[in-house]
Amino acid sequence: MADIGPNIKKLAIMKFSKDAIPNGGGFKDGIKALLDKNLSRRMLECIEWAKQAVAAVRAAKLPNPWINATDEEIAAEILKQTEARRG
């Protein structure tokens, strides 16, 4: 994970936590996710998801203010908008 920045990591962790404890889930779901034998693979999948989310924003049709932004800037904006929607 050394090749990715803190915002990509946060975005991947957000995805992982949402997968681990879905809406309506609870403590039991979280423990089950942490004890999963495939924890590392699942985290790598979430990192890949985060990279794909950033790539999708960059590939959006023009006018696209994010086309020349860094991966970290785009990930930060995704996190910001996600937090805003949560309230």
N, C-alpha and C. Protein backbone atom coordinates (compact mmCIF):
# COMPACT_ATOMS: atom_id res chain seq x y z
N MET A 1 0.83 -1.20 0.00
CA MET A 1 0.00 0.00 0.00
C MET A 1 0.87 1.25 0.00
N ALA A 2 2.15 1.09 -0.14
CA ALA A 2 3.05 2.24 -0.11
C ALA A 2 2.87 3.14 -1.33
N ASP A 3 2.36 2.59 -2.42
CA ASP A 3 2.21 3.39 -3.63
C ASP A 3 0.92 4.19 -3.70
N ILE A 4 0.11 4.13 -2.66
CA ILE A 4 -1.13 4.91 -2.64
C ILE A 4 -1.09 5.89 -1.47
N GLY A 5 -1.79 6.99 -1.66
CA GLY A 5 -1.79 8.03 -0.64
C GLY A 5 -2.87 7.85 0.41
N PRO A 6 -2.90 8.75 1.38
CA PRO A 6 -3.83 8.61 2.50
C PRO A 6 -5.30 8.71 2.10
N ASN A 7 -5.63 9.50 1.10
CA ASN A 7 -7.04 9.61 0.72
C ASN A 7 -7.54 8.37 0.00
N ILE A 8 -6.69 7.75 -0.82
CA ILE A 8 -7.07 6.48 -1.46
C ILE A 8 -7.25 5.42 -0.37
N LYS A 9 -6.36 5.40 0.62
CA LYS A 9 -6.48 4.45 1.72
C LYS A 9 -7.78 4.66 2.48
N LYS A 10 -8.12 5.92 2.77
CA LYS A 10 -9.37 6.22 3.49
C LYS A 10 -10.59 5.77 2.68
N LEU A 11 -10.53 6.00 1.36
CA LEU A 11 -11.63 5.60 0.50
C LEU A 11 -11.78 4.08 0.49
N ALA A 12 -10.66 3.36 0.43
CA ALA A 12 -10.70 1.90 0.45
C ALA A 12 -11.22 1.39 1.80
N ILE A 13 -10.80 2.01 2.88
CA ILE A 13 -11.27 1.60 4.21
C ILE A 13 -12.76 1.88 4.37
N MET A 14 -13.22 3.00 3.82
CA MET A 14 -14.65 3.31 3.86
C MET A 14 -15.44 2.21 3.14
N LYS A 15 -14.95 1.78 1.98
CA LYS A 15 -15.61 0.71 1.21
C LYS A 15 -15.58 -0.60 2.01
N PHE A 16 -14.42 -0.92 2.58
CA PHE A 16 -14.29 -2.14 3.35
C PHE A 16 -15.27 -2.16 4.53
N SER A 17 -15.35 -1.05 5.25
CA SER A 17 -16.23 -1.00 6.42
C SER A 17 -17.69 -1.10 6.02
N LYS A 18 -18.04 -0.52 4.89
CA LYS A 18 -19.43 -0.60 4.40
C LYS A 18 -19.76 -2.03 3.99
N ASP A 19 -18.79 -2.71 3.38
CA ASP A 19 -19.00 -4.12 3.01
C ASP A 19 -19.08 -5.00 4.26
N ALA A 20 -18.25 -4.69 5.25
CA ALA A 20 -18.19 -5.51 6.46
C ALA A 20 -19.45 -5.37 7.30
N ILE A 21 -19.93 -4.15 7.44
CA ILE A 21 -21.12 -3.89 8.25
C ILE A 21 -22.12 -3.13 7.38
N PRO A 22 -22.95 -3.85 6.64
CA PRO A 22 -23.92 -3.19 5.76
C PRO A 22 -25.02 -2.50 6.57
N ASN A 23 -25.84 -1.72 5.90
CA ASN A 23 -26.98 -1.07 6.57
C ASN A 23 -27.80 -2.13 7.30
N GLY A 24 -28.10 -1.86 8.55
CA GLY A 24 -28.86 -2.80 9.35
C GLY A 24 -27.99 -3.84 10.05
N GLY A 25 -26.70 -3.85 9.72
CA GLY A 25 -25.78 -4.80 10.35
C GLY A 25 -25.36 -4.32 11.72
N GLY A 26 -24.48 -5.08 12.32
CA GLY A 26 -24.06 -4.69 13.66
C GLY A 26 -22.72 -5.28 14.03
N PHE A 27 -22.48 -5.34 15.34
CA PHE A 27 -21.23 -5.79 15.91
C PHE A 27 -20.84 -7.17 15.40
N LYS A 28 -21.80 -8.06 15.33
CA LYS A 28 -21.54 -9.44 14.88
C LYS A 28 -20.98 -9.45 13.46
N ASP A 29 -21.52 -8.61 12.60
CA ASP A 29 -21.02 -8.53 11.23
C ASP A 29 -19.57 -8.04 11.19
N GLY A 30 -19.25 -7.06 12.02
CA GLY A 30 -17.90 -6.53 12.08
C GLY A 30 -16.90 -7.58 12.55
N ILE A 31 -17.24 -8.33 13.58
CA ILE A 31 -16.36 -9.38 14.08
C ILE A 31 -16.16 -10.45 13.01
N LYS A 32 -17.25 -10.82 12.35
CA LYS A 32 -17.17 -11.83 11.29
C LYS A 32 -16.22 -11.36 10.19
N ALA A 33 -16.30 -10.10 9.80
CA ALA A 33 -15.43 -9.57 8.75
C ALA A 33 -13.97 -9.58 9.18
N LEU A 34 -13.70 -9.23 10.43
CA LEU A 34 -12.32 -9.19 10.91
C LEU A 34 -11.70 -10.59 11.06
N LEU A 35 -12.53 -11.58 11.30
CA LEU A 35 -12.05 -12.95 11.45
C LEU A 35 -12.00 -13.72 10.13
N ASP A 36 -12.43 -13.10 9.06
CA ASP A 36 -12.46 -13.73 7.75
C ASP A 36 -11.04 -14.09 7.29
N LYS A 37 -10.86 -15.31 6.80
CA LYS A 37 -9.56 -15.76 6.31
C LYS A 37 -9.09 -14.95 5.11
N ASN A 38 -10.00 -14.35 4.40
CA ASN A 38 -9.69 -13.61 3.18
C ASN A 38 -9.61 -12.11 3.42
N LEU A 39 -9.31 -11.70 4.63
CA LEU A 39 -9.28 -10.28 4.98
C LEU A 39 -8.32 -9.50 4.08
N SER A 40 -7.13 -9.99 3.87
CA SER A 40 -6.15 -9.29 3.03
C SER A 40 -6.65 -9.15 1.59
N ARG A 41 -7.20 -10.23 1.06
CA ARG A 41 -7.71 -10.18 -0.31
C ARG A 41 -8.86 -9.18 -0.43
N ARG A 42 -9.73 -9.17 0.56
CA ARG A 42 -10.86 -8.23 0.52
C ARG A 42 -10.38 -6.78 0.59
N MET A 43 -9.35 -6.53 1.40
CA MET A 43 -8.81 -5.17 1.49
C MET A 43 -8.17 -4.77 0.17
N LEU A 44 -7.45 -5.68 -0.47
CA LEU A 44 -6.86 -5.38 -1.78
C LEU A 44 -7.95 -5.09 -2.82
N GLU A 45 -9.06 -5.81 -2.74
CA GLU A 45 -10.19 -5.55 -3.63
C GLU A 45 -10.76 -4.15 -3.39
N CYS A 46 -10.81 -3.74 -2.15
CA CYS A 46 -11.32 -2.41 -1.83
C CYS A 46 -10.37 -1.32 -2.32
N ILE A 47 -9.07 -1.58 -2.25
CA ILE A 47 -8.10 -0.62 -2.79
C ILE A 47 -8.28 -0.50 -4.29
N GLU A 48 -8.47 -1.62 -4.95
CA GLU A 48 -8.70 -1.60 -6.40
C GLU A 48 -10.00 -0.85 -6.72
N TRP A 49 -11.04 -1.06 -5.91
CA TRP A 49 -12.31 -0.34 -6.09
C TRP A 49 -12.08 1.16 -5.98
N ALA A 50 -11.30 1.58 -5.00
CA ALA A 50 -11.03 3.01 -4.80
C ALA A 50 -10.30 3.58 -6.02
N LYS A 51 -9.33 2.84 -6.53
CA LYS A 51 -8.61 3.30 -7.72
C LYS A 51 -9.55 3.40 -8.92
N GLN A 52 -10.46 2.45 -9.05
CA GLN A 52 -11.42 2.49 -10.15
C GLN A 52 -12.40 3.65 -10.00
N ALA A 53 -12.79 3.96 -8.77
CA ALA A 53 -13.68 5.10 -8.53
C ALA A 53 -13.00 6.40 -8.95
N VAL A 54 -11.73 6.55 -8.62
CA VAL A 54 -10.97 7.73 -9.01
C VAL A 54 -10.86 7.80 -10.53
N ALA A 55 -10.57 6.67 -11.16
CA ALA A 55 -10.45 6.62 -12.63
C ALA A 55 -11.77 6.97 -13.30
N ALA A 56 -12.88 6.54 -12.71
CA ALA A 56 -14.20 6.85 -13.28
C ALA A 56 -14.47 8.35 -13.24
N VAL A 57 -14.10 9.00 -12.15
CA VAL A 57 -14.28 10.45 -12.04
C VAL A 57 -13.43 11.15 -13.10
N ARG A 58 -12.20 10.71 -13.23
CA ARG A 58 -11.29 11.34 -14.20
C ARG A 58 -11.79 11.13 -15.63
N ALA A 59 -12.44 10.02 -15.91
CA ALA A 59 -12.90 9.69 -17.25
C ALA A 59 -14.26 10.28 -17.60
N ALA A 60 -14.87 10.99 -16.67
CA ALA A 60 -16.20 11.56 -16.91
C ALA A 60 -16.14 12.52 -18.10
N LYS A 61 -17.28 12.66 -18.75
CA LYS A 61 -17.36 13.53 -19.93
C LYS A 61 -17.08 14.98 -19.59
N LEU A 62 -16.64 15.69 -20.59
CA LEU A 62 -16.35 17.12 -20.44
C LEU A 62 -17.64 17.90 -20.30
N PRO A 63 -17.72 18.99 -19.62
CA PRO A 63 -16.61 19.59 -18.89
C PRO A 63 -16.35 18.83 -17.60
N ASN A 64 -15.11 18.46 -17.39
CA ASN A 64 -14.71 17.68 -16.23
C ASN A 64 -13.59 18.41 -15.50
N PRO A 65 -13.90 19.05 -14.37
CA PRO A 65 -12.87 19.79 -13.64
C PRO A 65 -11.82 18.88 -12.99
N TRP A 66 -12.06 17.59 -12.97
CA TRP A 66 -11.15 16.65 -12.29
C TRP A 66 -10.21 15.92 -13.25
N ILE A 67 -10.29 16.23 -14.52
CA ILE A 67 -9.51 15.48 -15.52
C ILE A 67 -8.00 15.56 -15.27
N ASN A 68 -7.51 16.68 -14.77
CA ASN A 68 -6.08 16.84 -14.52
C ASN A 68 -5.71 16.79 -13.04
N ALA A 69 -6.67 16.44 -12.19
CA ALA A 69 -6.41 16.36 -10.75
C ALA A 69 -5.64 15.09 -10.42
N THR A 70 -4.97 15.11 -9.29
CA THR A 70 -4.26 13.90 -8.84
C THR A 70 -5.26 12.90 -8.27
N ASP A 71 -4.82 11.67 -8.16
CA ASP A 71 -5.67 10.64 -7.55
C ASP A 71 -6.07 11.04 -6.13
N GLU A 72 -5.14 11.61 -5.40
CA GLU A 72 -5.40 12.03 -4.02
C GLU A 72 -6.44 13.14 -3.96
N GLU A 73 -6.39 14.08 -4.88
CA GLU A 73 -7.37 15.18 -4.89
C GLU A 73 -8.76 14.64 -5.21
N ILE A 74 -8.84 13.73 -6.16
CA ILE A 74 -10.14 13.15 -6.51
C ILE A 74 -10.68 12.32 -5.35
N ALA A 75 -9.84 11.50 -4.74
CA ALA A 75 -10.28 10.68 -3.60
C ALA A 75 -10.76 11.57 -2.45
N ALA A 76 -10.05 12.68 -2.22
CA ALA A 76 -10.46 13.60 -1.16
C ALA A 76 -11.84 14.18 -1.45
N GLU A 77 -12.11 14.49 -2.69
CA GLU A 77 -13.43 15.04 -3.05
C GLU A 77 -14.52 13.98 -2.91
N ILE A 78 -14.23 12.75 -3.29
CA ILE A 78 -15.21 11.66 -3.11
C ILE A 78 -15.53 11.50 -1.62
N LEU A 79 -14.50 11.49 -0.80
CA LEU A 79 -14.71 11.39 0.66
C LEU A 79 -15.52 12.56 1.19
N LYS A 80 -15.20 13.76 0.73
CA LYS A 80 -15.90 14.97 1.17
C LYS A 80 -17.39 14.90 0.81
N GLN A 81 -17.68 14.51 -0.41
CA GLN A 81 -19.08 14.43 -0.84
C GLN A 81 -19.82 13.30 -0.14
N THR A 82 -19.13 12.21 0.13
CA THR A 82 -19.75 11.10 0.86
C THR A 82 -20.14 11.55 2.27
N GLU A 83 -19.23 12.24 2.94
CA GLU A 83 -19.51 12.75 4.29
C GLU A 83 -20.68 13.74 4.26
N ALA A 84 -20.72 14.59 3.26
CA ALA A 84 -21.80 15.58 3.15
C ALA A 84 -23.16 14.88 3.00
N ARG A 85 -23.19 13.80 2.27
CA ARG A 85 -24.45 13.07 2.06
C ARG A 85 -24.90 12.33 3.31
N ARG A 86 -23.93 11.93 4.12
CA ARG A 86 -24.27 11.23 5.37
C ARG A 86 -24.88 12.18 6.38
N GLY A 87 -24.58 13.46 6.23
CA GLY A 87 -25.17 14.46 7.12
C GLY A 87 -24.35 14.77 8.25
